Amino acid sequence: MTTIDKLKWRYATKKFDSEKQLPEDKLNILKQAFNLTATSFGLQTLHLLIVNDSSTRNRLLEHSYNQRQVLDSSHLLVICIQDNISDADVDAYFDNVKYIRATPETILSPYRQNLKNMMRDMSVEKRQEWSVKQAYIALGNLMTVCAIEQIDSCPMEGFVPKAFDDILDLQSKNLKSVLLLPVGYRAADDMFADFKKVRKPLKETVMEL
């Protein structure tokens, strides 16, 4: 299959085969892909929570409008943002740059301070909004990697974040849930798997100058 064939193969899976589990090597690919996702300034204010425990997912089901993908998928990926971004987060990033790239502090210092100033100029709500935009980049990246690896997935916004945060104890980790991505393998009788994709003609969505 070509890349385009794999993207055509992908669909928002409505029914997962609850008996099929992702092997560890596939799960590791998704972990690595999440960590390699592009984020603004490379700051990585996102976290990925992988929920496999069935009892926990049973509790989450009612707070996701009883969408069975939350329970029947192999794993439930919860994309989270940091509740806040502090100077310490900026320092941790630039310290990592200095360690990995051996970049002198004299070069990094003005960029370090500029990013701190930028974050300080934002309200907490604006910082969260900024992080949510990064979360959608991560979601898109994970969906594409899933298609390439022939892992089924279903992007979901339809859940109650506050309830998820409480059940998963995200407040203690300075995190908020923003997006879900159940992953696994489609059920043989999921009728949506054979539906033709409905898209506008390419000439109506892509312009060349």
N, C-alpha and C. Protein backbone atom coordinates (compact mmCIF):
# COMPACT_ATOMS: atom_id res chain seq x y z
N MET A 1 0.84 -1.20 0.00
CA MET A 1 0.00 0.00 0.00
C MET A 1 0.87 1.25 0.00
N THR A 2 0.49 2.21 -0.82
CA THR A 2 1.18 3.49 -0.81
C THR A 2 0.70 4.32 0.39
N THR A 3 1.37 5.43 0.64
CA THR A 3 0.96 6.31 1.73
C THR A 3 -0.49 6.75 1.54
N ILE A 4 -0.86 7.12 0.32
CA ILE A 4 -2.23 7.56 0.05
C ILE A 4 -3.22 6.41 0.24
N ASP A 5 -2.83 5.21 -0.17
CA ASP A 5 -3.69 4.05 0.05
C ASP A 5 -3.96 3.84 1.54
N LYS A 6 -2.93 4.02 2.35
CA LYS A 6 -3.08 3.82 3.79
C LYS A 6 -3.97 4.90 4.41
N LEU A 7 -3.86 6.12 3.89
CA LEU A 7 -4.73 7.18 4.39
C LEU A 7 -6.18 6.95 3.97
N LYS A 8 -6.36 6.35 2.80
CA LYS A 8 -7.72 5.99 2.37
C LYS A 8 -8.27 4.82 3.19
N TRP A 9 -7.39 3.94 3.63
CA TRP A 9 -7.77 2.79 4.45
C TRP A 9 -8.26 3.25 5.83
N ARG A 10 -7.69 4.34 6.31
CA ARG A 10 -8.04 4.85 7.64
C ARG A 10 -9.46 5.39 7.67
N TYR A 11 -10.14 5.16 8.75
CA TYR A 11 -11.45 5.79 8.97
C TYR A 11 -11.65 5.89 10.48
N ALA A 12 -12.62 6.70 10.90
CA ALA A 12 -12.92 6.82 12.33
C ALA A 12 -13.65 5.56 12.76
N THR A 13 -12.92 4.64 13.33
CA THR A 13 -13.44 3.31 13.65
C THR A 13 -14.56 3.41 14.68
N LYS A 14 -15.71 2.88 14.32
CA LYS A 14 -16.87 2.94 15.19
C LYS A 14 -16.99 1.71 16.09
N LYS A 15 -16.44 0.60 15.62
CA LYS A 15 -16.55 -0.64 16.40
C LYS A 15 -15.22 -1.37 16.38
N PHE A 16 -14.62 -1.53 17.55
CA PHE A 16 -13.34 -2.24 17.67
C PHE A 16 -13.57 -3.70 18.04
N ASP A 17 -12.62 -4.53 17.64
CA ASP A 17 -12.61 -5.93 18.07
C ASP A 17 -11.97 -5.96 19.46
N SER A 18 -12.79 -6.18 20.49
CA SER A 18 -12.29 -6.11 21.86
C SER A 18 -11.36 -7.27 22.22
N GLU A 19 -11.30 -8.28 21.34
CA GLU A 19 -10.43 -9.43 21.60
C GLU A 19 -9.01 -9.22 21.08
N LYS A 20 -8.83 -8.19 20.26
CA LYS A 20 -7.51 -7.97 19.64
C LYS A 20 -6.77 -6.85 20.36
N GLN A 21 -5.54 -7.14 20.75
CA GLN A 21 -4.72 -6.17 21.46
C GLN A 21 -3.52 -5.74 20.60
N LEU A 22 -3.15 -4.49 20.71
CA LEU A 22 -1.95 -4.03 20.02
C LEU A 22 -0.73 -4.69 20.63
N PRO A 23 0.18 -5.22 19.81
CA PRO A 23 1.43 -5.75 20.37
C PRO A 23 2.30 -4.61 20.89
N GLU A 24 3.20 -4.95 21.77
CA GLU A 24 4.02 -3.94 22.44
C GLU A 24 4.83 -3.10 21.46
N ASP A 25 5.30 -3.71 20.36
CA ASP A 25 6.10 -2.94 19.41
C ASP A 25 5.26 -1.86 18.72
N LYS A 26 4.00 -2.15 18.44
CA LYS A 26 3.11 -1.14 17.83
C LYS A 26 2.81 -0.02 18.83
N LEU A 27 2.59 -0.39 20.07
CA LEU A 27 2.32 0.60 21.10
C LEU A 27 3.54 1.50 21.29
N ASN A 28 4.71 0.91 21.22
CA ASN A 28 5.93 1.70 21.37
C ASN A 28 6.10 2.69 20.22
N ILE A 29 5.69 2.31 19.01
CA ILE A 29 5.74 3.22 17.87
C ILE A 29 4.87 4.44 18.14
N LEU A 30 3.69 4.23 18.71
CA LEU A 30 2.80 5.35 19.01
C LEU A 30 3.38 6.25 20.10
N LYS A 31 4.02 5.65 21.08
CA LYS A 31 4.68 6.45 22.13
C LYS A 31 5.76 7.33 21.52
N GLN A 32 6.58 6.72 20.67
CA GLN A 32 7.68 7.46 20.04
C GLN A 32 7.14 8.55 19.12
N ALA A 33 6.08 8.22 18.38
CA ALA A 33 5.49 9.20 17.46
C ALA A 33 4.94 10.39 18.22
N PHE A 34 4.29 10.13 19.34
CA PHE A 34 3.78 11.24 20.16
C PHE A 34 4.94 12.12 20.62
N ASN A 35 5.99 11.50 21.10
CA ASN A 35 7.13 12.26 21.62
C ASN A 35 7.85 13.04 20.53
N LEU A 36 7.75 12.57 19.30
CA LEU A 36 8.42 13.24 18.17
C LEU A 36 7.53 14.28 17.49
N THR A 37 6.30 14.44 17.96
CA THR A 37 5.39 15.41 17.37
C THR A 37 5.96 16.82 17.47
N ALA A 38 5.80 17.58 16.41
CA ALA A 38 6.23 18.98 16.44
C ALA A 38 5.36 19.78 17.41
N THR A 39 6.00 20.61 18.24
CA THR A 39 5.27 21.52 19.12
C THR A 39 5.91 22.90 19.04
N SER A 40 5.13 23.91 19.33
CA SER A 40 5.64 25.29 19.25
C SER A 40 6.82 25.48 20.19
N PHE A 41 7.92 25.98 19.65
CA PHE A 41 9.19 26.17 20.36
C PHE A 41 9.80 24.87 20.84
N GLY A 42 9.18 23.73 20.53
CA GLY A 42 9.67 22.45 21.03
C GLY A 42 9.45 22.27 22.51
N LEU A 43 8.54 23.06 23.09
CA LEU A 43 8.38 23.09 24.54
C LEU A 43 7.69 21.84 25.10
N GLN A 44 6.90 21.17 24.28
CA GLN A 44 6.24 19.91 24.67
C GLN A 44 5.43 20.06 25.97
N THR A 45 4.40 20.87 25.92
CA THR A 45 3.52 21.03 27.08
C THR A 45 2.39 20.01 27.06
N LEU A 46 2.61 18.90 26.36
CA LEU A 46 1.62 17.83 26.22
C LEU A 46 2.08 16.56 26.92
N HIS A 47 1.12 15.75 27.32
CA HIS A 47 1.41 14.43 27.87
C HIS A 47 0.42 13.44 27.29
N LEU A 48 0.87 12.21 27.15
CA LEU A 48 0.01 11.14 26.64
C LEU A 48 -0.22 10.12 27.74
N LEU A 49 -1.48 9.90 28.07
CA LEU A 49 -1.85 8.89 29.06
C LEU A 49 -2.44 7.70 28.31
N ILE A 50 -1.87 6.52 28.52
CA ILE A 50 -2.34 5.30 27.86
C ILE A 50 -3.11 4.48 28.89
N VAL A 51 -4.39 4.31 28.64
CA VAL A 51 -5.26 3.60 29.58
C VAL A 51 -5.62 2.23 29.00
N ASN A 52 -5.21 1.19 29.71
CA ASN A 52 -5.50 -0.17 29.28
C ASN A 52 -6.42 -0.88 30.26
N ASP A 53 -6.40 -0.46 31.51
CA ASP A 53 -7.19 -1.10 32.56
C ASP A 53 -8.68 -1.03 32.26
N SER A 54 -9.33 -2.19 32.19
CA SER A 54 -10.73 -2.25 31.78
C SER A 54 -11.67 -1.64 32.83
N SER A 55 -11.35 -1.78 34.11
CA SER A 55 -12.22 -1.22 35.13
C SER A 55 -12.21 0.31 35.09
N THR A 56 -11.04 0.88 34.83
CA THR A 56 -10.95 2.33 34.69
C THR A 56 -11.72 2.79 33.47
N ARG A 57 -11.58 2.06 32.38
CA ARG A 57 -12.28 2.45 31.15
C ARG A 57 -13.79 2.30 31.28
N ASN A 58 -14.22 1.33 32.07
CA ASN A 58 -15.65 1.19 32.35
C ASN A 58 -16.18 2.44 33.05
N ARG A 59 -15.40 2.98 33.96
CA ARG A 59 -15.81 4.20 34.67
C ARG A 59 -15.82 5.40 33.72
N LEU A 60 -14.90 5.41 32.76
CA LEU A 60 -14.81 6.52 31.81
C LEU A 60 -15.93 6.48 30.76
N LEU A 61 -16.48 5.28 30.53
CA LEU A 61 -17.44 5.10 29.44
C LEU A 61 -18.64 6.04 29.57
N GLU A 62 -19.21 6.14 30.76
CA GLU A 62 -20.40 6.97 30.94
C GLU A 62 -20.10 8.45 30.76
N HIS A 63 -18.83 8.83 30.88
CA HIS A 63 -18.44 10.22 30.72
C HIS A 63 -17.94 10.51 29.31
N SER A 64 -18.13 9.53 28.42
CA SER A 64 -17.83 9.73 27.01
C SER A 64 -19.06 9.37 26.18
N TYR A 65 -20.21 9.67 26.75
CA TYR A 65 -21.51 9.48 26.09
C TYR A 65 -21.70 8.03 25.62
N ASN A 66 -21.14 7.12 26.42
CA ASN A 66 -21.28 5.67 26.17
C ASN A 66 -20.80 5.24 24.79
N GLN A 67 -19.81 5.93 24.28
CA GLN A 67 -19.20 5.53 23.00
C GLN A 67 -18.28 4.33 23.27
N ARG A 68 -18.65 3.20 22.72
CA ARG A 68 -18.01 1.94 23.07
C ARG A 68 -16.53 1.88 22.69
N GLN A 69 -16.09 2.75 21.79
CA GLN A 69 -14.68 2.73 21.42
C GLN A 69 -13.77 2.92 22.65
N VAL A 70 -14.26 3.69 23.62
CA VAL A 70 -13.48 3.95 24.84
C VAL A 70 -13.18 2.66 25.58
N LEU A 71 -14.12 1.72 25.54
CA LEU A 71 -13.96 0.46 26.27
C LEU A 71 -13.46 -0.67 25.41
N ASP A 72 -13.90 -0.75 24.15
CA ASP A 72 -13.62 -1.93 23.32
C ASP A 72 -12.29 -1.86 22.56
N SER A 73 -11.71 -0.69 22.46
CA SER A 73 -10.42 -0.57 21.76
C SER A 73 -9.33 -1.29 22.56
N SER A 74 -8.22 -1.53 21.91
CA SER A 74 -7.09 -2.16 22.60
C SER A 74 -6.57 -1.27 23.72
N HIS A 75 -6.36 0.01 23.39
CA HIS A 75 -5.87 0.99 24.36
C HIS A 75 -6.58 2.32 24.12
N LEU A 76 -6.79 3.05 25.18
CA LEU A 76 -7.36 4.39 25.08
C LEU A 76 -6.25 5.41 25.32
N LEU A 77 -5.98 6.22 24.30
CA LEU A 77 -4.97 7.28 24.43
C LEU A 77 -5.67 8.57 24.82
N VAL A 78 -5.20 9.18 25.89
CA VAL A 78 -5.75 10.45 26.37
C VAL A 78 -4.66 11.51 26.22
N ILE A 79 -4.92 12.48 25.36
CA ILE A 79 -3.95 13.56 25.15
C ILE A 79 -4.27 14.67 26.15
N CYS A 80 -3.27 15.05 26.91
CA CYS A 80 -3.44 16.03 27.99
C CYS A 80 -2.54 17.23 27.78
N ILE A 81 -2.97 18.37 28.31
CA ILE A 81 -2.13 19.56 28.35
C ILE A 81 -1.77 19.84 29.80
N GLN A 82 -0.69 20.59 29.97
CA GLN A 82 -0.34 21.05 31.31
C GLN A 82 -1.34 22.10 31.76
N ASP A 83 -1.70 22.04 33.04
CA ASP A 83 -2.63 23.02 33.59
C ASP A 83 -2.02 24.41 33.54
N ASN A 84 -0.72 24.50 33.67
CA ASN A 84 -0.03 25.79 33.60
C ASN A 84 1.38 25.55 33.06
N ILE A 85 2.00 26.62 32.62
CA ILE A 85 3.38 26.57 32.12
C ILE A 85 4.20 27.57 32.93
N SER A 86 5.27 27.10 33.54
CA SER A 86 6.05 27.95 34.42
C SER A 86 7.45 28.21 33.86
N ASP A 87 8.19 29.08 34.54
CA ASP A 87 9.59 29.32 34.18
C ASP A 87 10.38 28.02 34.24
N ALA A 88 10.02 27.16 35.17
CA ALA A 88 10.74 25.89 35.32
C ALA A 88 10.61 25.02 34.07
N ASP A 89 9.45 25.08 33.40
CA ASP A 89 9.26 24.32 32.16
C ASP A 89 10.17 24.84 31.05
N VAL A 90 10.26 26.16 30.97
CA VAL A 90 11.13 26.78 29.97
C VAL A 90 12.59 26.44 30.27
N ASP A 91 12.97 26.52 31.53
CA ASP A 91 14.35 26.19 31.91
C ASP A 91 14.66 24.73 31.61
N ALA A 92 13.72 23.84 31.89
CA ALA A 92 13.95 22.41 31.62
C ALA A 92 14.19 22.17 30.13
N TYR A 93 13.44 22.88 29.28
CA TYR A 93 13.61 22.73 27.84
C TYR A 93 15.01 23.20 27.41
N PHE A 94 15.38 24.41 27.81
CA PHE A 94 16.67 24.93 27.36
C PHE A 94 17.85 24.20 28.00
N ASP A 95 17.68 23.69 29.22
CA ASP A 95 18.73 22.87 29.82
C ASP A 95 18.91 21.59 29.02
N ASN A 96 17.80 21.05 28.49
CA ASN A 96 17.88 19.85 27.66
C ASN A 96 18.57 20.14 26.33
N VAL A 97 18.28 21.31 25.76
CA VAL A 97 18.97 21.73 24.53
C VAL A 97 20.47 21.82 24.78
N LYS A 98 20.81 22.44 25.91
CA LYS A 98 22.23 22.62 26.24
C LYS A 98 22.92 21.27 26.41
N TYR A 99 22.22 20.32 27.03
CA TYR A 99 22.80 18.99 27.27
C TYR A 99 22.93 18.19 25.98
N ILE A 100 21.87 18.16 25.17
CA ILE A 100 21.87 17.32 23.97
C ILE A 100 22.72 17.90 22.85
N ARG A 101 22.66 19.21 22.67
CA ARG A 101 23.37 19.84 21.56
C ARG A 101 24.67 20.53 21.96
N ALA A 102 24.96 20.52 23.25
CA ALA A 102 26.16 21.19 23.77
C ALA A 102 26.20 22.67 23.36
N THR A 103 25.04 23.31 23.37
CA THR A 103 24.94 24.72 23.00
C THR A 103 25.31 25.59 24.20
N PRO A 104 26.22 26.55 24.03
CA PRO A 104 26.62 27.41 25.15
C PRO A 104 25.45 28.25 25.68
N GLU A 105 25.46 28.47 26.99
CA GLU A 105 24.40 29.25 27.61
C GLU A 105 24.37 30.68 27.08
N THR A 106 25.51 31.18 26.67
CA THR A 106 25.55 32.56 26.14
C THR A 106 24.67 32.69 24.90
N ILE A 107 24.53 31.62 24.14
CA ILE A 107 23.67 31.63 22.95
C ILE A 107 22.21 31.42 23.36
N LEU A 108 21.99 30.53 24.32
CA LEU A 108 20.62 30.17 24.71
C LEU A 108 19.94 31.21 25.58
N SER A 109 20.72 31.95 26.35
CA SER A 109 20.16 32.84 27.38
C SER A 109 19.11 33.82 26.86
N PRO A 110 19.35 34.53 25.75
CA PRO A 110 18.31 35.46 25.30
C PRO A 110 17.03 34.77 24.84
N TYR A 111 17.16 33.59 24.22
CA TYR A 111 15.98 32.84 23.79
C TYR A 111 15.22 32.31 25.01
N ARG A 112 15.96 31.87 26.00
CA ARG A 112 15.37 31.39 27.25
C ARG A 112 14.52 32.50 27.89
N GLN A 113 15.10 33.69 27.97
CA GLN A 113 14.40 34.80 28.61
C GLN A 113 13.19 35.26 27.79
N ASN A 114 13.36 35.28 26.48
CA ASN A 114 12.25 35.71 25.61
C ASN A 114 11.04 34.79 25.75
N LEU A 115 11.30 33.47 25.83
CA LEU A 115 10.20 32.52 25.97
C LEU A 115 9.53 32.65 27.34
N LYS A 116 10.33 32.88 28.36
CA LYS A 116 9.75 33.12 29.70
C LYS A 116 8.86 34.36 29.68
N ASN A 117 9.34 35.41 29.03
CA ASN A 117 8.55 36.64 28.96
C ASN A 117 7.24 36.43 28.20
N MET A 118 7.33 35.65 27.12
CA MET A 118 6.14 35.37 26.32
C MET A 118 5.09 34.64 27.16
N MET A 119 5.53 33.64 27.92
CA MET A 119 4.61 32.88 28.76
C MET A 119 4.03 33.75 29.87
N ARG A 120 4.86 34.59 30.44
CA ARG A 120 4.39 35.47 31.53
C ARG A 120 3.36 36.47 31.04
N ASP A 121 3.47 36.86 29.77
CA ASP A 121 2.53 37.84 29.20
C ASP A 121 1.16 37.22 28.91
N MET A 122 1.07 35.89 28.92
CA MET A 122 -0.20 35.21 28.68
C MET A 122 -0.90 34.93 30.01
N SER A 123 -2.21 34.95 30.00
CA SER A 123 -2.97 34.47 31.14
C SER A 123 -2.88 32.94 31.17
N VAL A 124 -3.26 32.34 32.29
CA VAL A 124 -3.27 30.88 32.36
C VAL A 124 -4.18 30.30 31.28
N GLU A 125 -5.33 30.95 31.07
CA GLU A 125 -6.27 30.48 30.05
C GLU A 125 -5.65 30.53 28.66
N LYS A 126 -4.90 31.59 28.37
CA LYS A 126 -4.24 31.71 27.06
C LYS A 126 -3.16 30.65 26.89
N ARG A 127 -2.44 30.35 27.96
CA ARG A 127 -1.41 29.31 27.88
C ARG A 127 -2.06 27.96 27.60
N GLN A 128 -3.20 27.71 28.24
CA GLN A 128 -3.90 26.46 27.99
C GLN A 128 -4.42 26.40 26.56
N GLU A 129 -4.97 27.49 26.08
CA GLU A 129 -5.45 27.54 24.69
C GLU A 129 -4.32 27.28 23.72
N TRP A 130 -3.15 27.85 24.00
CA TRP A 130 -1.95 27.65 23.17
C TRP A 130 -1.56 26.17 23.17
N SER A 131 -1.63 25.53 24.34
CA SER A 131 -1.28 24.12 24.44
C SER A 131 -2.28 23.23 23.72
N VAL A 132 -3.56 23.58 23.78
CA VAL A 132 -4.58 22.78 23.10
C VAL A 132 -4.31 22.72 21.60
N LYS A 133 -3.84 23.82 21.04
CA LYS A 133 -3.50 23.82 19.61
C LYS A 133 -2.40 22.80 19.32
N GLN A 134 -1.46 22.66 20.24
CA GLN A 134 -0.40 21.67 20.06
C GLN A 134 -0.98 20.25 20.15
N ALA A 135 -2.00 20.10 21.01
CA ALA A 135 -2.62 18.78 21.19
C ALA A 135 -3.24 18.28 19.90
N TYR A 136 -3.84 19.19 19.11
CA TYR A 136 -4.43 18.78 17.84
C TYR A 136 -3.36 18.36 16.83
N ILE A 137 -2.20 19.00 16.90
CA ILE A 137 -1.08 18.57 16.05
C ILE A 137 -0.70 17.14 16.41
N ALA A 138 -0.61 16.87 17.71
CA ALA A 138 -0.25 15.52 18.16
C ALA A 138 -1.29 14.50 17.74
N LEU A 139 -2.57 14.87 17.84
CA LEU A 139 -3.64 13.97 17.43
C LEU A 139 -3.52 13.62 15.95
N GLY A 140 -3.32 14.64 15.10
CA GLY A 140 -3.18 14.39 13.67
C GLY A 140 -1.98 13.52 13.36
N ASN A 141 -0.88 13.78 14.05
CA ASN A 141 0.32 12.98 13.84
C ASN A 141 0.08 11.52 14.22
N LEU A 142 -0.56 11.29 15.36
CA LEU A 142 -0.84 9.93 15.80
C LEU A 142 -1.77 9.21 14.83
N MET A 143 -2.77 9.92 14.32
CA MET A 143 -3.70 9.30 13.37
C MET A 143 -2.99 8.88 12.09
N THR A 144 -2.07 9.71 11.62
CA THR A 144 -1.32 9.38 10.41
C THR A 144 -0.41 8.19 10.64
N VAL A 145 0.27 8.17 11.78
CA VAL A 145 1.14 7.04 12.11
C VAL A 145 0.31 5.76 12.24
N CYS A 146 -0.87 5.87 12.86
CA CYS A 146 -1.75 4.71 12.95
C CYS A 146 -2.09 4.18 11.55
N ALA A 147 -2.40 5.07 10.63
CA ALA A 147 -2.73 4.64 9.26
C ALA A 147 -1.55 3.92 8.62
N ILE A 148 -0.36 4.48 8.78
CA ILE A 148 0.84 3.88 8.20
C ILE A 148 1.09 2.49 8.78
N GLU A 149 0.85 2.35 10.08
CA GLU A 149 1.10 1.07 10.77
C GLU A 149 -0.11 0.13 10.72
N GLN A 150 -1.19 0.58 10.05
CA GLN A 150 -2.45 -0.17 9.96
C GLN A 150 -3.00 -0.52 11.35
N ILE A 151 -3.01 0.53 12.16
CA ILE A 151 -3.67 0.50 13.47
C ILE A 151 -4.94 1.32 13.32
N ASP A 152 -6.05 0.78 13.74
CA ASP A 152 -7.30 1.53 13.66
C ASP A 152 -7.39 2.53 14.81
N SER A 153 -8.07 3.65 14.56
CA SER A 153 -8.19 4.69 15.57
C SER A 153 -9.48 5.47 15.37
N CYS A 154 -9.85 6.22 16.41
CA CYS A 154 -11.06 7.05 16.32
C CYS A 154 -10.84 8.32 17.13
N PRO A 155 -10.58 9.46 16.47
CA PRO A 155 -10.39 10.71 17.21
C PRO A 155 -11.68 11.13 17.87
N MET A 156 -11.60 11.56 19.13
CA MET A 156 -12.81 11.88 19.88
C MET A 156 -12.65 13.16 20.70
N GLU A 157 -13.61 14.06 20.52
CA GLU A 157 -13.75 15.22 21.39
C GLU A 157 -14.95 15.05 22.33
N GLY A 158 -15.78 14.07 22.05
CA GLY A 158 -17.03 13.88 22.76
C GLY A 158 -16.86 13.16 24.09
N PHE A 159 -16.43 13.89 25.09
CA PHE A 159 -16.31 13.34 26.45
C PHE A 159 -16.34 14.50 27.43
N VAL A 160 -16.44 14.19 28.71
CA VAL A 160 -16.50 15.21 29.75
C VAL A 160 -15.12 15.31 30.40
N PRO A 161 -14.32 16.29 29.99
CA PRO A 161 -12.95 16.38 30.50
C PRO A 161 -12.83 16.41 32.02
N LYS A 162 -13.71 17.16 32.68
CA LYS A 162 -13.61 17.27 34.14
C LYS A 162 -13.76 15.91 34.80
N ALA A 163 -14.69 15.10 34.30
CA ALA A 163 -14.90 13.76 34.86
C ALA A 163 -13.69 12.87 34.60
N PHE A 164 -13.14 12.95 33.39
CA PHE A 164 -11.93 12.19 33.07
C PHE A 164 -10.79 12.62 33.99
N ASP A 165 -10.64 13.92 34.18
CA ASP A 165 -9.56 14.43 35.03
C ASP A 165 -9.68 13.89 36.45
N ASP A 166 -10.92 13.81 36.94
CA ASP A 166 -11.13 13.31 38.30
C ASP A 166 -10.83 11.82 38.41
N ILE A 167 -11.35 11.04 37.47
CA ILE A 167 -11.16 9.59 37.51
C ILE A 167 -9.69 9.22 37.34
N LEU A 168 -9.00 9.94 36.46
CA LEU A 168 -7.59 9.64 36.17
C LEU A 168 -6.63 10.40 37.08
N ASP A 169 -7.19 11.18 38.01
CA ASP A 169 -6.39 11.96 38.97
C ASP A 169 -5.35 12.84 38.26
N LEU A 170 -5.81 13.51 37.22
CA LEU A 170 -4.89 14.34 36.44
C LEU A 170 -4.50 15.62 37.16
N GLN A 171 -5.37 16.11 38.05
CA GLN A 171 -5.05 17.36 38.76
C GLN A 171 -3.74 17.23 39.54
N SER A 172 -3.50 16.05 40.11
CA SER A 172 -2.28 15.85 40.90
C SER A 172 -1.03 15.87 40.03
N LYS A 173 -1.23 15.72 38.72
CA LYS A 173 -0.12 15.71 37.77
C LYS A 173 -0.02 17.03 37.00
N ASN A 174 -0.82 18.03 37.40
CA ASN A 174 -0.83 19.33 36.73
C ASN A 174 -1.27 19.19 35.27
N LEU A 175 -2.26 18.30 35.02
CA LEU A 175 -2.69 18.01 33.66
C LEU A 175 -4.20 18.17 33.52
N LYS A 176 -4.63 18.40 32.25
CA LYS A 176 -6.03 18.42 31.87
C LYS A 176 -6.20 17.58 30.61
N SER A 177 -7.22 16.76 30.55
CA SER A 177 -7.50 15.96 29.34
C SER A 177 -8.18 16.84 28.30
N VAL A 178 -7.78 16.69 27.04
CA VAL A 178 -8.39 17.51 25.98
C VAL A 178 -8.87 16.70 24.78
N LEU A 179 -8.25 15.56 24.49
CA LEU A 179 -8.63 14.76 23.33
C LEU A 179 -8.44 13.27 23.63
N LEU A 180 -9.23 12.45 22.95
CA LEU A 180 -9.12 11.00 23.09
C LEU A 180 -8.79 10.37 21.74
N LEU A 181 -8.06 9.26 21.80
CA LEU A 181 -7.80 8.48 20.59
C LEU A 181 -7.78 7.00 20.96
N PRO A 182 -8.95 6.34 20.93
CA PRO A 182 -8.95 4.88 21.08
C PRO A 182 -8.21 4.25 19.89
N VAL A 183 -7.39 3.25 20.17
CA VAL A 183 -6.64 2.58 19.10
C VAL A 183 -6.76 1.07 19.26
N GLY A 184 -6.63 0.37 18.14
CA GLY A 184 -6.71 -1.09 18.17
C GLY A 184 -6.98 -1.62 16.78
N TYR A 185 -7.93 -2.55 16.69
CA TYR A 185 -8.25 -3.17 15.40
C TYR A 185 -9.76 -3.22 15.20
N ARG A 186 -10.18 -2.85 14.01
CA ARG A 186 -11.61 -2.80 13.68
C ARG A 186 -12.28 -4.16 13.80
N ALA A 187 -13.54 -4.12 14.21
CA ALA A 187 -14.33 -5.35 14.24
C ALA A 187 -14.71 -5.74 12.82
N ALA A 188 -14.81 -7.02 12.58
CA ALA A 188 -15.13 -7.51 11.23
C ALA A 188 -16.49 -7.03 10.75
N ASP A 189 -17.39 -6.74 11.70
CA ASP A 189 -18.74 -6.32 11.31
C ASP A 189 -18.97 -4.81 11.45
N ASP A 190 -17.90 -4.05 11.52
CA ASP A 190 -18.07 -2.58 11.54
C ASP A 190 -18.40 -2.13 10.12
N MET A 191 -19.66 -1.81 9.88
CA MET A 191 -20.08 -1.48 8.52
C MET A 191 -19.41 -0.23 7.99
N PHE A 192 -18.93 0.65 8.88
CA PHE A 192 -18.30 1.89 8.44
C PHE A 192 -16.96 1.65 7.74
N ALA A 193 -16.38 0.49 7.97
CA ALA A 193 -15.07 0.19 7.37
C ALA A 193 -15.12 0.18 5.85
N ASP A 194 -16.27 -0.19 5.28
CA ASP A 194 -16.39 -0.31 3.82
C ASP A 194 -17.03 0.91 3.16
N PHE A 195 -17.38 1.89 3.95
CA PHE A 195 -17.97 3.09 3.35
C PHE A 195 -16.93 3.85 2.53
N LYS A 196 -17.33 4.35 1.37
CA LYS A 196 -16.43 5.16 0.58
C LYS A 196 -16.21 6.50 1.27
N LYS A 197 -14.99 7.02 1.17
CA LYS A 197 -14.70 8.32 1.75
C LYS A 197 -15.44 9.40 1.00
N VAL A 198 -15.98 10.35 1.74
CA VAL A 198 -16.67 11.49 1.14
C VAL A 198 -15.79 12.71 1.30
N ARG A 199 -15.23 13.16 0.21
CA ARG A 199 -14.34 14.32 0.23
C ARG A 199 -14.65 15.21 -0.98
N LYS A 200 -14.37 16.48 -0.84
CA LYS A 200 -14.50 17.38 -1.97
C LYS A 200 -13.46 17.03 -3.02
N PRO A 201 -13.69 17.39 -4.29
CA PRO A 201 -12.64 17.21 -5.30
C PRO A 201 -11.40 18.00 -4.89
N LEU A 202 -10.25 17.47 -5.22
CA LEU A 202 -8.98 18.08 -4.83
C LEU A 202 -8.88 19.53 -5.28
N LYS A 203 -9.43 19.83 -6.46
CA LYS A 203 -9.31 21.18 -6.99
C LYS A 203 -10.09 22.19 -6.15
N GLU A 204 -11.02 21.70 -5.31
CA GLU A 204 -11.80 22.61 -4.47
C GLU A 204 -11.16 22.86 -3.11
N THR A 205 -10.16 22.08 -2.77
CA THR A 205 -9.52 22.24 -1.45
C THR A 205 -8.05 22.64 -1.53
N VAL A 206 -7.44 22.47 -2.69
CA VAL A 206 -6.01 22.80 -2.85
C VAL A 206 -5.87 23.85 -3.94
N MET A 207 -5.15 24.92 -3.62
CA MET A 207 -4.89 25.98 -4.61
C MET A 207 -3.40 26.09 -4.86
N GLU A 208 -3.04 26.38 -6.08
CA GLU A 208 -1.64 26.57 -6.44
C GLU A 208 -1.50 27.94 -7.08
N LEU A 209 -0.48 28.66 -6.66
CA LEU A 209 -0.22 30.00 -7.20
C LEU A 209 1.06 30.01 -8.03
